[in-house]
Amino acid sequence: MSISLRQKEFVEHIIDLSQVIGPVYSKRMFGGYGVFLEGLMFGLIFRNTLYLKVDANSRNYYIKRGLEPFSYERQGKKLSLNYYQAPEEVLDDITVMKEWCNCAFEVAIRAAGKRQAK
């Protein structure tokens, strides 16, 4: 499966901006890209859209802003993951990117802690 130049440039742009929180990197997965820091996935890029990891503590902030969850269809059912569309301003403002990525990374840390506790 080949990727378009536009998609590759978008992924590189997101990864470059995200460096403000640390050595962020991407991994190709499921037709999109996972966005990682310290081995934890805190973002998802699919069809030139950045989605950030949410939990019960942060989800309503995204909903109030009218941002959409990442969802897909499987066997005729719509499934959503704990990732919501990032606001447009993160794509152009490094300060905003830092704030939103830090929040999503904190969610990833909490989720990893819950998995280890099981």
PDB file of N, CA and C in Angstrom:
ATOM      1  N   MET A   1       0.848  -1.173   0.000  1.00  0.00           N
ATOM      2  CA  MET A   1       0.000   0.000   0.000  1.00  0.00           C
ATOM      3  C   MET A   1       0.897   1.242   0.000  1.00  0.00           C
ATOM      4  N   SER A   2       0.808   2.030  -1.054  1.00  0.00           N
ATOM      5  CA  SER A   2       1.670   3.207  -1.124  1.00  0.00           C
ATOM      6  C   SER A   2       0.960   4.411  -0.508  1.00  0.00           C
ATOM      7  N   ILE A   3       1.757   5.360  -0.063  1.00  0.00           N
ATOM      8  CA  ILE A   3       1.183   6.562   0.528  1.00  0.00           C
ATOM      9  C   ILE A   3       1.446   7.734  -0.398  1.00  0.00           C
ATOM     10  N   SER A   4       0.543   8.689  -0.366  1.00  0.00           N
ATOM     11  CA  SER A   4       0.705   9.854  -1.222  1.00  0.00           C
ATOM     12  C   SER A   4       1.763  10.784  -0.638  1.00  0.00           C
ATOM     13  N   LEU A   5       2.337  11.586  -1.511  1.00  0.00           N
ATOM     14  CA  LEU A   5       3.320  12.571  -1.070  1.00  0.00           C
ATOM     15  C   LEU A   5       2.674  13.537  -0.089  1.00  0.00           C
ATOM     16  N   ARG A   6       1.433  13.919  -0.367  1.00  0.00           N
ATOM     17  CA  ARG A   6       0.726  14.841   0.523  1.00  0.00           C
ATOM     18  C   ARG A   6       0.586  14.248   1.927  1.00  0.00           C
ATOM     19  N   GLN A   7       0.214  12.969   2.008  1.00  0.00           N
ATOM     20  CA  GLN A   7       0.067  12.325   3.315  1.00  0.00           C
ATOM     21  C   GLN A   7       1.414  12.263   4.030  1.00  0.00           C
ATOM     22  N   LYS A   8       2.453  11.908   3.298  1.00  0.00           N
ATOM     23  CA  LYS A   8       3.786  11.824   3.897  1.00  0.00           C
ATOM     24  C   LYS A   8       4.212  13.188   4.439  1.00  0.00           C
ATOM     25  N   GLU A   9       3.962  14.245   3.678  1.00  0.00           N
ATOM     26  CA  GLU A   9       4.307  15.600   4.122  1.00  0.00           C
ATOM     27  C   GLU A   9       3.502  15.998   5.355  1.00  0.00           C
ATOM     28  N   PHE A  10       2.228  15.612   5.397  1.00  0.00           N
ATOM     29  CA  PHE A  10       1.392  15.923   6.557  1.00  0.00           C
ATOM     30  C   PHE A  10       1.942  15.229   7.802  1.00  0.00           C
ATOM     31  N   VAL A  11       2.268  13.952   7.675  1.00  0.00           N
ATOM     32  CA  VAL A  11       2.820  13.196   8.804  1.00  0.00           C
ATOM     33  C   VAL A  11       4.121  13.843   9.275  1.00  0.00           C
ATOM     34  N   GLU A  12       4.996  14.183   8.346  1.00  0.00           N
ATOM     35  CA  GLU A  12       6.267  14.824   8.710  1.00  0.00           C
ATOM     36  C   GLU A  12       6.036  16.162   9.410  1.00  0.00           C
ATOM     37  N   HIS A  13       5.053  16.927   8.942  1.00  0.00           N
ATOM     38  CA  HIS A  13       4.726  18.217   9.565  1.00  0.00           C
ATOM     39  C   HIS A  13       4.273  18.013  11.013  1.00  0.00           C
ATOM     40  N   ILE A  14       3.392  17.049  11.228  1.00  0.00           N
ATOM     41  CA  ILE A  14       2.895  16.766  12.582  1.00  0.00           C
ATOM     42  C   ILE A  14       4.046  16.325  13.482  1.00  0.00           C
ATOM     43  N   ILE A  15       4.876  15.431  12.995  1.00  0.00           N
ATOM     44  CA  ILE A  15       5.995  14.932  13.800  1.00  0.00           C
ATOM     45  C   ILE A  15       6.969  16.066  14.106  1.00  0.00           C
ATOM     46  N   ASP A  16       7.254  16.908  13.126  1.00  0.00           N
ATOM     47  CA  ASP A  16       8.150  18.053  13.362  1.00  0.00           C
ATOM     48  C   ASP A  16       7.595  18.980  14.438  1.00  0.00           C
ATOM     49  N   LEU A  17       6.322  19.344  14.332  1.00  0.00           N
ATOM     50  CA  LEU A  17       5.717  20.230  15.336  1.00  0.00           C
ATOM     51  C   LEU A  17       5.682  19.579  16.714  1.00  0.00           C
ATOM     52  N   SER A  18       5.434  18.278  16.742  1.00  0.00           N
ATOM     53  CA  SER A  18       5.300  17.555  18.013  1.00  0.00           C
ATOM     54  C   SER A  18       6.611  17.434  18.771  1.00  0.00           C
ATOM     55  N   GLN A  19       7.731  17.676  18.107  1.00  0.00           N
ATOM     56  CA  GLN A  19       9.027  17.579  18.775  1.00  0.00           C
ATOM     57  C   GLN A  19       9.121  18.518  19.970  1.00  0.00           C
ATOM     58  N   VAL A  20       8.218  19.480  20.043  1.00  0.00           N
ATOM     59  CA  VAL A  20       8.205  20.431  21.157  1.00  0.00           C
ATOM     60  C   VAL A  20       7.993  19.719  22.498  1.00  0.00           C
ATOM     61  N   ILE A  21       7.425  18.496  22.485  1.00  0.00           N
ATOM     62  CA  ILE A  21       7.224  17.770  23.747  1.00  0.00           C
ATOM     63  C   ILE A  21       8.248  16.658  23.952  1.00  0.00           C
ATOM     64  N   GLY A  22       9.113  16.431  22.975  1.00  0.00           N
ATOM     65  CA  GLY A  22      10.122  15.385  23.103  1.00  0.00           C
ATOM     66  C   GLY A  22      10.360  14.701  21.775  1.00  0.00           C
ATOM     67  N   PRO A  23      11.131  13.600  21.789  1.00  0.00           N
ATOM     68  CA  PRO A  23      11.465  12.895  20.549  1.00  0.00           C
ATOM     69  C   PRO A  23      10.289  12.052  20.028  1.00  0.00           C
ATOM     70  N   VAL A  24       9.316  12.732  19.463  1.00  0.00           N
ATOM     71  CA  VAL A  24       8.110  12.091  18.932  1.00  0.00           C
ATOM     72  C   VAL A  24       8.454  11.411  17.606  1.00  0.00           C
ATOM     73  N   TYR A  25       7.842  10.255  17.370  1.00  0.00           N
ATOM     74  CA  TYR A  25       8.049   9.531  16.118  1.00  0.00           C
ATOM     75  C   TYR A  25       6.745   8.886  15.687  1.00  0.00           C
ATOM     76  N   SER A  26       6.697   8.467  14.435  1.00  0.00           N
ATOM     77  CA  SER A  26       5.488   7.829  13.913  1.00  0.00           C
ATOM     78  C   SER A  26       5.794   6.401  13.492  1.00  0.00           C
ATOM     79  N   LYS A  27       4.744   5.592  13.497  1.00  0.00           N
ATOM     80  CA  LYS A  27       4.818   4.216  13.001  1.00  0.00           C
ATOM     81  C   LYS A  27       3.606   3.996  12.110  1.00  0.00           C
ATOM     82  N   ARG A  28       3.839   3.380  10.981  1.00  0.00           N
ATOM     83  CA  ARG A  28       2.754   3.064  10.061  1.00  0.00           C
ATOM     84  C   ARG A  28       1.902   1.959  10.665  1.00  0.00           C
ATOM     85  N   MET A  29       0.584   2.141  10.644  1.00  0.00           N
ATOM     86  CA  MET A  29      -0.307   1.116  11.175  1.00  0.00           C
ATOM     87  C   MET A  29      -1.725   1.292  10.650  1.00  0.00           C
ATOM     88  N   PHE A  30      -2.343   0.217  10.258  1.00  0.00           N
ATOM     89  CA  PHE A  30      -3.750   0.182   9.864  1.00  0.00           C
ATOM     90  C   PHE A  30      -4.141   1.259   8.855  1.00  0.00           C
ATOM     91  N   GLY A  31      -3.312   1.515   7.888  1.00  0.00           N
ATOM     92  CA  GLY A  31      -3.635   2.512   6.877  1.00  0.00           C
ATOM     93  C   GLY A  31      -3.393   3.940   7.321  1.00  0.00           C
ATOM     94  N   GLY A  32      -2.901   4.117   8.527  1.00  0.00           N
ATOM     95  CA  GLY A  32      -2.590   5.444   9.050  1.00  0.00           C
ATOM     96  C   GLY A  32      -1.251   5.394   9.758  1.00  0.00           C
ATOM     97  N   TYR A  33      -1.092   6.279  10.714  1.00  0.00           N
ATOM     98  CA  TYR A  33       0.152   6.351  11.487  1.00  0.00           C
ATOM     99  C   TYR A  33      -0.166   6.544  12.960  1.00  0.00           C
ATOM    100  N   GLY A  34       0.553   5.838  13.806  1.00  0.00           N
ATOM    101  CA  GLY A  34       0.512   6.111  15.228  1.00  0.00           C
ATOM    102  C   GLY A  34       1.568   7.153  15.545  1.00  0.00           C
ATOM    103  N   VAL A  35       1.274   8.025  16.502  1.00  0.00           N
ATOM    104  CA  VAL A  35       2.215   9.058  16.936  1.00  0.00           C
ATOM    105  C   VAL A  35       2.645   8.697  18.354  1.00  0.00           C
ATOM    106  N   PHE A  36       3.953   8.532  18.557  1.00  0.00           N
ATOM    107  CA  PHE A  36       4.482   7.979  19.798  1.00  0.00           C
ATOM    108  C   PHE A  36       5.505   8.889  20.462  1.00  0.00           C
ATOM    109  N   LEU A  37       5.548   8.786  21.781  1.00  0.00           N
ATOM    110  CA  LEU A  37       6.607   9.376  22.593  1.00  0.00           C
ATOM    111  C   LEU A  37       6.899   8.380  23.701  1.00  0.00           C
ATOM    112  N   GLU A  38       8.155   8.060  23.891  1.00  0.00           N
ATOM    113  CA  GLU A  38       8.579   7.118  24.937  1.00  0.00           C
ATOM    114  C   GLU A  38       7.830   5.789  24.850  1.00  0.00           C
ATOM    115  N   GLY A  39       7.563   5.344  23.632  1.00  0.00           N
ATOM    116  CA  GLY A  39       6.895   4.066  23.422  1.00  0.00           C
ATOM    117  C   GLY A  39       5.399   4.081  23.630  1.00  0.00           C
ATOM    118  N   LEU A  40       4.832   5.229  23.954  1.00  0.00           N
ATOM    119  CA  LEU A  40       3.393   5.337  24.190  1.00  0.00           C
ATOM    120  C   LEU A  40       2.720   6.077  23.039  1.00  0.00           C
ATOM    121  N   MET A  41       1.658   5.489  22.518  1.00  0.00           N
ATOM    122  CA  MET A  41       0.920   6.118  21.426  1.00  0.00           C
ATOM    123  C   MET A  41      -0.055   7.134  22.000  1.00  0.00           C
ATOM    124  N   PHE A  42       0.111   8.388  21.606  1.00  0.00           N
ATOM    125  CA  PHE A  42      -0.778   9.445  22.083  1.00  0.00           C
ATOM    126  C   PHE A  42      -1.528  10.126  20.946  1.00  0.00           C
ATOM    127  N   GLY A  43      -1.200   9.756  19.721  1.00  0.00           N
ATOM    128  CA  GLY A  43      -1.861  10.358  18.570  1.00  0.00           C
ATOM    129  C   GLY A  43      -2.011   9.361  17.444  1.00  0.00           C
ATOM    130  N   LEU A  44      -2.883   9.722  16.522  1.00  0.00           N
ATOM    131  CA  LEU A  44      -3.185   8.886  15.373  1.00  0.00           C
ATOM    132  C   LEU A  44      -3.385   9.817  14.188  1.00  0.00           C
ATOM    133  N   ILE A  45      -2.746   9.510  13.085  1.00  0.00           N
ATOM    134  CA  ILE A  45      -2.935  10.289  11.867  1.00  0.00           C
ATOM    135  C   ILE A  45      -3.601   9.377  10.850  1.00  0.00           C
ATOM    136  N   PHE A  46      -4.753   9.821  10.365  1.00  0.00           N
ATOM    137  CA  PHE A  46      -5.490   9.042   9.378  1.00  0.00           C
ATOM    138  C   PHE A  46      -6.122  10.007   8.391  1.00  0.00           C
ATOM    139  N   ARG A  47      -5.870   9.781   7.112  1.00  0.00           N
ATOM    140  CA  ARG A  47      -6.405  10.638   6.042  1.00  0.00           C
ATOM    141  C   ARG A  47      -6.146  12.121   6.303  1.00  0.00           C
ATOM    142  N   ASN A  48      -4.913  12.438   6.589  1.00  0.00           N
ATOM    143  CA  ASN A  48      -4.469  13.820   6.813  1.00  0.00           C
ATOM    144  C   ASN A  48      -5.228  14.532   7.925  1.00  0.00           C
ATOM    145  N   THR A  49      -5.600  13.774   8.929  1.00  0.00           N
ATOM    146  CA  THR A  49      -6.228  14.332  10.127  1.00  0.00           C
ATOM    147  C   THR A  49      -5.482  13.793  11.337  1.00  0.00           C
ATOM    148  N   LEU A  50      -5.178  14.681  12.269  1.00  0.00           N
ATOM    149  CA  LEU A  50      -4.540  14.284  13.524  1.00  0.00           C
ATOM    150  C   LEU A  50      -5.616  14.063  14.570  1.00  0.00           C
ATOM    151  N   TYR A  51      -5.559  12.912  15.212  1.00  0.00           N
ATOM    152  CA  TYR A  51      -6.440  12.581  16.332  1.00  0.00           C
ATOM    153  C   TYR A  51      -5.554  12.405  17.561  1.00  0.00           C
ATOM    154  N   LEU A  52      -6.039  12.875  18.705  1.00  0.00           N
ATOM    155  CA  LEU A  52      -5.276  12.773  19.947  1.00  0.00           C
ATOM    156  C   LEU A  52      -6.004  11.892  20.947  1.00  0.00           C
ATOM    157  N   LYS A  53      -5.248  11.183  21.754  1.00  0.00           N
ATOM    158  CA  LYS A  53      -5.795  10.242  22.737  1.00  0.00           C
ATOM    159  C   LYS A  53      -6.577  10.987  23.811  1.00  0.00           C
ATOM    160  N   VAL A  54      -7.743  10.442  24.150  1.00  0.00           N
ATOM    161  CA  VAL A  54      -8.600  11.033  25.181  1.00  0.00           C
ATOM    162  C   VAL A  54      -8.975   9.969  26.207  1.00  0.00           C
ATOM    163  N   ASP A  55      -9.454  10.436  27.340  1.00  0.00           N
ATOM    164  CA  ASP A  55     -10.039   9.557  28.346  1.00  0.00           C
ATOM    165  C   ASP A  55     -11.228  10.290  28.957  1.00  0.00           C
ATOM    166  N   ALA A  56     -11.791   9.726  30.006  1.00  0.00           N
ATOM    167  CA  ALA A  56     -12.961  10.340  30.641  1.00  0.00           C
ATOM    168  C   ALA A  56     -12.669  11.753  31.132  1.00  0.00           C
ATOM    169  N   ASN A  57     -11.425  12.017  31.505  1.00  0.00           N
ATOM    170  CA  ASN A  57     -11.053  13.344  32.007  1.00  0.00           C
ATOM    171  C   ASN A  57     -10.962  14.394  30.909  1.00  0.00           C
ATOM    172  N   SER A  58     -10.638  14.003  29.696  1.00  0.00           N
ATOM    173  CA  SER A  58     -10.402  14.988  28.629  1.00  0.00           C
ATOM    174  C   SER A  58     -11.431  14.971  27.498  1.00  0.00           C
ATOM    175  N   ARG A  59     -12.198  13.918  27.373  1.00  0.00           N
ATOM    176  CA  ARG A  59     -13.129  13.756  26.245  1.00  0.00           C
ATOM    177  C   ARG A  59     -14.091  14.933  26.090  1.00  0.00           C
ATOM    178  N   ASN A  60     -14.679  15.393  27.187  1.00  0.00           N
ATOM    179  CA  ASN A  60     -15.673  16.470  27.087  1.00  0.00           C
ATOM    180  C   ASN A  60     -15.092  17.759  26.533  1.00  0.00           C
ATOM    181  N   TYR A  61     -13.817  18.013  26.750  1.00  0.00           N
ATOM    182  CA  TYR A  61     -13.172  19.203  26.202  1.00  0.00           C
ATOM    183  C   TYR A  61     -13.218  19.167  24.674  1.00  0.00           C
ATOM    184  N   TYR A  62     -13.004  18.004  24.092  1.00  0.00           N
ATOM    185  CA  TYR A  62     -13.066  17.833  22.641  1.00  0.00           C
ATOM    186  C   TYR A  62     -14.510  17.954  22.157  1.00  0.00           C
ATOM    187  N   ILE A  63     -15.421  17.313  22.866  1.00  0.00           N
ATOM    188  CA  ILE A  63     -16.827  17.337  22.474  1.00  0.00           C
ATOM    189  C   ILE A  63     -17.366  18.764  22.489  1.00  0.00           C
ATOM    190  N   LYS A  64     -17.054  19.527  23.532  1.00  0.00           N
ATOM    191  CA  LYS A  64     -17.520  20.916  23.625  1.00  0.00           C
ATOM    192  C   LYS A  64     -17.016  21.763  22.466  1.00  0.00           C
ATOM    193  N   ARG A  65     -15.879  21.405  21.916  1.00  0.00           N
ATOM    194  CA  ARG A  65     -15.317  22.150  20.775  1.00  0.00           C
ATOM    195  C   ARG A  65     -15.842  21.637  19.444  1.00  0.00           C
ATOM    196  N   GLY A  66     -16.703  20.616  19.497  1.00  0.00           N
ATOM    197  CA  GLY A  66     -17.285  20.075  18.269  1.00  0.00           C
ATOM    198  C   GLY A  66     -16.340  19.191  17.474  1.00  0.00           C
ATOM    199  N   LEU A  67     -15.321  18.661  18.133  1.00  0.00           N
ATOM    200  CA  LEU A  67     -14.339  17.805  17.466  1.00  0.00           C
ATOM    201  C   LEU A  67     -14.853  16.370  17.423  1.00  0.00           C
ATOM    202  N   GLU A  68     -14.538  15.684  16.351  1.00  0.00           N
ATOM    203  CA  GLU A  68     -15.076  14.345  16.098  1.00  0.00           C
ATOM    204  C   GLU A  68     -14.147  13.240  16.590  1.00  0.00           C
ATOM    205  N   PRO A  69     -14.738  12.123  17.045  1.00  0.00           N
ATOM    206  CA  PRO A  69     -13.906  10.973  17.420  1.00  0.00           C
ATOM    207  C   PRO A  69     -13.423  10.237  16.171  1.00  0.00           C
ATOM    208  N   PHE A  70     -12.312   9.531  16.314  1.00  0.00           N
ATOM    209  CA  PHE A  70     -11.873   8.643  15.246  1.00  0.00           C
ATOM    210  C   PHE A  70     -12.784   7.427  15.287  1.00  0.00           C
ATOM    211  N   SER A  71     -13.378   7.098  14.153  1.00  0.00           N
ATOM    212  CA  SER A  71     -14.259   5.932  14.101  1.00  0.00           C
ATOM    213  C   SER A  71     -14.084   5.226  12.761  1.00  0.00           C
ATOM    214  N   TYR A  72     -14.518   3.995  12.735  1.00  0.00           N
ATOM    215  CA  TYR A  72     -14.445   3.190  11.520  1.00  0.00           C
ATOM    216  C   TYR A  72     -15.541   2.142  11.576  1.00  0.00           C
ATOM    217  N   GLU A  73     -15.825   1.524  10.429  1.00  0.00           N
ATOM    218  CA  GLU A  73     -16.838   0.474  10.381  1.00  0.00           C
ATOM    219  C   GLU A  73     -16.185  -0.888  10.328  1.00  0.00           C
ATOM    220  N   ARG A  74     -16.777  -1.796  11.088  1.00  0.00           N
ATOM    221  CA  ARG A  74     -16.309  -3.185  11.086  1.00  0.00           C
ATOM    222  C   ARG A  74     -17.531  -4.075  11.176  1.00  0.00           C
ATOM    223  N   GLN A  75     -17.682  -4.936  10.205  1.00  0.00           N
ATOM    224  CA  GLN A  75     -18.816  -5.854  10.134  1.00  0.00           C
ATOM    225  C   GLN A  75     -20.136  -5.107  10.286  1.00  0.00           C
ATOM    226  N   GLY A  76     -20.238  -3.963   9.611  1.00  0.00           N
ATOM    227  CA  GLY A  76     -21.471  -3.193   9.603  1.00  0.00           C
ATOM    228  C   GLY A  76     -21.725  -2.360  10.846  1.00  0.00           C
ATOM    229  N   LYS A  77     -20.793  -2.350  11.783  1.00  0.00           N
ATOM    230  CA  LYS A  77     -20.965  -1.572  13.014  1.00  0.00           C
ATOM    231  C   LYS A  77     -19.942  -0.446  13.057  1.00  0.00           C
ATOM    232  N   LYS A  78     -20.378   0.714  13.534  1.00  0.00           N
ATOM    233  CA  LYS A  78     -19.470   1.845  13.688  1.00  0.00           C
ATOM    234  C   LYS A  78     -18.782   1.733  15.044  1.00  0.00           C
ATOM    235  N   LEU A  79     -17.459   1.736  15.014  1.00  0.00           N
ATOM    236  CA  LEU A  79     -16.664   1.643  16.233  1.00  0.00           C
ATOM    237  C   LEU A  79     -15.842   2.914  16.395  1.00  0.00           C
ATOM    238  N   SER A  80     -15.727   3.378  17.622  1.00  0.00           N
ATOM    239  CA  SER A  80     -14.915   4.562  17.913  1.00  0.00           C
ATOM    240  C   SER A  80     -13.788   4.182  18.858  1.00  0.00           C
ATOM    241  N   LEU A  81     -12.649   4.818  18.657  1.00  0.00           N
ATOM    242  CA  LEU A  81     -11.512   4.636  19.551  1.00  0.00           C
ATOM    243  C   LEU A  81     -11.402   5.859  20.448  1.00  0.00           C
ATOM    244  N   ASN A  82     -10.561   5.787  21.443  1.00  0.00           N
ATOM    245  CA  ASN A  82     -10.369   6.908  22.368  1.00  0.00           C
ATOM    246  C   ASN A  82      -9.405   7.942  21.793  1.00  0.00           C
ATOM    247  N   TYR A  83      -9.699   8.366  20.578  1.00  0.00           N
ATOM    248  CA  TYR A  83      -8.931   9.412  19.895  1.00  0.00           C
ATOM    249  C   TYR A  83      -9.918  10.382  19.282  1.00  0.00           C
ATOM    250  N   TYR A  84      -9.669  11.668  19.484  1.00  0.00           N
ATOM    251  CA  TYR A  84     -10.528  12.712  18.915  1.00  0.00           C
ATOM    252  C   TYR A  84      -9.700  13.626  18.034  1.00  0.00           C
ATOM    253  N   GLN A  85     -10.382  14.172  17.038  1.00  0.00           N
ATOM    254  CA  GLN A  85      -9.748  15.102  16.109  1.00  0.00           C
ATOM    255  C   GLN A  85      -9.138  16.273  16.864  1.00  0.00           C
ATOM    256  N   ALA A  86      -7.909  16.607  16.516  1.00  0.00           N
ATOM    257  CA  ALA A  86      -7.244  17.771  17.107  1.00  0.00           C
ATOM    258  C   ALA A  86      -7.802  19.036  16.459  1.00  0.00           C
ATOM    259  N   PRO A  87      -7.855  20.135  17.203  1.00  0.00           N
ATOM    260  CA  PRO A  87      -8.326  21.385  16.599  1.00  0.00           C
ATOM    261  C   PRO A  87      -7.341  21.868  15.533  1.00  0.00           C
ATOM    262  N   GLU A  88      -7.860  22.564  14.543  1.00  0.00           N
ATOM    263  CA  GLU A  88      -7.043  23.042  13.419  1.00  0.00           C
ATOM    264  C   GLU A  88      -5.830  23.847  13.856  1.00  0.00           C
ATOM    265  N   GLU A  89      -5.977  24.637  14.924  1.00  0.00           N
ATOM    266  CA  GLU A  89      -4.885  25.533  15.313  1.00  0.00           C
ATOM    267  C   GLU A  89      -3.622  24.803  15.762  1.00  0.00           C
ATOM    268  N   VAL A  90      -3.719  23.512  16.097  1.00  0.00           N
ATOM    269  CA  VAL A  90      -2.498  22.786  16.474  1.00  0.00           C
ATOM    270  C   VAL A  90      -1.559  22.629  15.284  1.00  0.00           C
ATOM    271  N   LEU A  91      -2.112  22.687  14.080  1.00  0.00           N
ATOM    272  CA  LEU A  91      -1.308  22.484  12.882  1.00  0.00           C
ATOM    273  C   LEU A  91      -0.418  23.675  12.557  1.00  0.00           C
ATOM    274  N   ASP A  92      -0.731  24.832  13.142  1.00  0.00           N
ATOM    275  CA  ASP A  92      -0.015  26.060  12.796  1.00  0.00           C
ATOM    276  C   ASP A  92       0.668  26.749  13.963  1.00  0.00           C
ATOM    277  N   ASP A  93       0.365  26.334  15.172  1.00  0.00           N
ATOM    278  CA  ASP A  93       0.855  27.059  16.350  1.00  0.00           C
ATOM    279  C   ASP A  93       1.556  26.085  17.290  1.00  0.00           C
ATOM    280  N   ILE A  94       2.856  26.224  17.410  1.00  0.00           N
ATOM    281  CA  ILE A  94       3.646  25.279  18.207  1.00  0.00           C
ATOM    282  C   ILE A  94       3.257  25.307  19.684  1.00  0.00           C
ATOM    283  N   THR A  95       2.844  26.466  20.189  1.00  0.00           N
ATOM    284  CA  THR A  95       2.415  26.562  21.591  1.00  0.00           C
ATOM    285  C   THR A  95       1.138  25.763  21.813  1.00  0.00           C
ATOM    286  N   VAL A  96       0.212  25.876  20.876  1.00  0.00           N
ATOM    287  CA  VAL A  96      -1.045  25.121  20.965  1.00  0.00           C
ATOM    288  C   VAL A  96      -0.757  23.629  20.799  1.00  0.00           C
ATOM    289  N   MET A  97       0.122  23.297  19.868  1.00  0.00           N
ATOM    290  CA  MET A  97       0.496  21.890  19.663  1.00  0.00           C
ATOM    291  C   MET A  97       1.064  21.305  20.951  1.00  0.00           C
ATOM    292  N   LYS A  98       1.928  22.049  21.614  1.00  0.00           N
ATOM    293  CA  LYS A  98       2.538  21.568  22.857  1.00  0.00           C
ATOM    294  C   LYS A  98       1.469  21.277  23.906  1.00  0.00           C
ATOM    295  N   GLU A  99       0.533  22.184  24.073  1.00  0.00           N
ATOM    296  CA  GLU A  99      -0.530  22.015  25.073  1.00  0.00           C
ATOM    297  C   GLU A  99      -1.367  20.769  24.793  1.00  0.00           C
ATOM    298  N   TRP A 100      -1.827  20.624  23.563  1.00  0.00           N
ATOM    299  CA  TRP A 100      -2.702  19.504  23.229  1.00  0.00           C
ATOM    300  C   TRP A 100      -1.951  18.172  23.243  1.00  0.00           C
ATOM    301  N   CYS A 101      -0.731  18.156  22.735  1.00  0.00           N
ATOM    302  CA  CYS A 101       0.047  16.905  22.734  1.00  0.00           C
ATOM    303  C   CYS A 101       0.426  16.488  24.148  1.00  0.00           C
ATOM    304  N   ASN A 102       0.778  17.442  24.993  1.00  0.00           N
ATOM    305  CA  ASN A 102       1.077  17.109  26.388  1.00  0.00           C
ATOM    306  C   ASN A 102      -0.127  16.473  27.067  1.00  0.00           C
ATOM    307  N   CYS A 103      -1.304  17.029  26.839  1.00  0.00           N
ATOM    308  CA  CYS A 103      -2.523  16.460  27.440  1.00  0.00           C
ATOM    309  C   CYS A 103      -2.760  15.034  26.939  1.00  0.00           C
ATOM    310  N   ALA A 104      -2.608  14.830  25.631  1.00  0.00           N
ATOM    311  CA  ALA A 104      -2.816  13.499  25.059  1.00  0.00           C
ATOM    312  C   ALA A 104      -1.767  12.511  25.570  1.00  0.00           C
ATOM    313  N   PHE A 105      -0.535  12.968  25.732  1.00  0.00           N
ATOM    314  CA  PHE A 105       0.518  12.096  26.251  1.00  0.00           C
ATOM    315  C   PHE A 105       0.228  11.719  27.704  1.00  0.00           C
ATOM    316  N   GLU A 106      -0.277  12.656  28.486  1.00  0.00           N
ATOM    317  CA  GLU A 106      -0.658  12.349  29.871  1.00  0.00           C
ATOM    318  C   GLU A 106      -1.754  11.292  29.909  1.00  0.00           C
ATOM    319  N   VAL A 107      -2.697  11.353  28.975  1.00  0.00           N
ATOM    320  CA  VAL A 107      -3.740  10.328  28.874  1.00  0.00           C
ATOM    321  C   VAL A 107      -3.094   8.974  28.569  1.00  0.00           C
ATOM    322  N   ALA A 108      -2.138   8.954  27.646  1.00  0.00           N
ATOM    323  CA  ALA A 108      -1.448   7.703  27.299  1.00  0.00           C
ATOM    324  C   ALA A 108      -0.708   7.129  28.504  1.00  0.00           C
ATOM    325  N   ILE A 109      -0.097   7.998  29.305  1.00  0.00           N
ATOM    326  CA  ILE A 109       0.597   7.545  30.520  1.00  0.00           C
ATOM    327  C   ILE A 109      -0.403   6.928  31.497  1.00  0.00           C
ATOM    328  N   ARG A 110      -1.534   7.595  31.698  1.00  0.00           N
ATOM    329  CA  ARG A 110      -2.558   7.050  32.610  1.00  0.00           C
ATOM    330  C   ARG A 110      -3.073   5.704  32.108  1.00  0.00           C
ATOM    331  N   ALA A 111      -3.316   5.608  30.807  1.00  0.00           N
ATOM    332  CA  ALA A 111      -3.817   4.356  30.230  1.00  0.00           C
ATOM    333  C   ALA A 111      -2.794   3.235  30.396  1.00  0.00           C
ATOM    334  N   ALA A 112      -1.522   3.543  30.207  1.00  0.00           N
ATOM    335  CA  ALA A 112      -0.471   2.532  30.377  1.00  0.00           C
ATOM    336  C   ALA A 112      -0.404   2.082  31.829  1.00  0.00           C
ATOM    337  N   GLY A 113      -0.580   2.994  32.757  1.00  0.00           N
ATOM    338  CA  GLY A 113      -0.581   2.658  34.180  1.00  0.00           C
ATOM    339  C   GLY A 113      -1.726   1.738  34.541  1.00  0.00           C
ATOM    340  N   LYS A 114      -2.887   1.967  33.946  1.00  0.00           N
ATOM    341  CA  LYS A 114      -4.047   1.105  34.198  1.00  0.00           C
ATOM    342  C   LYS A 114      -3.808  -0.296  33.655  1.00  0.00           C
ATOM    343  N   ARG A 115      -3.179  -0.379  32.477  1.00  0.00           N
ATOM    344  CA  ARG A 115      -2.890  -1.704  31.891  1.00  0.00           C
ATOM    345  C   ARG A 115      -1.902  -2.470  32.757  1.00  0.00           C
ATOM    346  N   GLN A 116      -0.894  -1.784  33.295  1.00  0.00           N
ATOM    347  CA  GLN A 116       0.112  -2.448  34.129  1.00  0.00           C
ATOM    348  C   GLN A 116      -0.478  -2.896  35.459  1.00  0.00           C
ATOM    349  N   ALA A 117      -1.482  -2.175  35.947  1.00  0.00           N
ATOM    350  CA  ALA A 117      -2.089  -2.508  37.234  1.00  0.00           C
ATOM    351  C   ALA A 117      -2.939  -3.771  37.160  1.00  0.00           C
ATOM    352  N   LYS A 118      -3.334  -4.159  35.953  1.00  0.00           N
ATOM    353  CA  LYS A 118      -4.199  -5.345  35.806  1.00  0.00           C
ATOM    354  C   LYS A 118      -3.442  -6.622  36.024  1.00  0.00           C
TER     355      LYS A 118
END
